[in-house]
Amino acid sequence: MSYDLGVWFPHKRMSDKEAGETYRRVCDSAFAGLQAHPAIDAFYAELTSRYPEIDTIAEERIDDHAYCPWSCALDHTPAYVVMPCVYSQAENVHHFVHELARRHGLAVYDPQASHITYADT
């Protein structure tokens, strides 16, 4: 079981339902109307400096979920990042991603709760 989050730049506000539809399209490998934004790459760089990508860590650290909480590779484009983490690290990742997204002015979609959070909320 994994805990997933999606992050993108909010060029426009979306309802929870619209964000859910966007997230589903993103998971189907479609940009879903999202536009590239430099804040995404800055977010990704800071995120992976704290929690490196799973395919970049040494084999002996693969089960060190405090070091790398990802259950598989992140889906990163210039328009969004989708982060699947192991459930045991869900709370830590949730707080870190929301804090980081707020600093970068990004929206966070939580598919478990079907809810989008904006940097100013």
Foldseek 3Di string as FASTA:
>chain_A
DWWKKKKFACPDDDFLVLVLVQVVVVVVVDNSPFDFDVLQVVLVVVVCVQANFLVPDDPVCNPVCNNHFAPHGWDGDSGMIMTIGHPVCVVVVVVVSLVSCLVSQMWMAGPVVSGIDTSVD
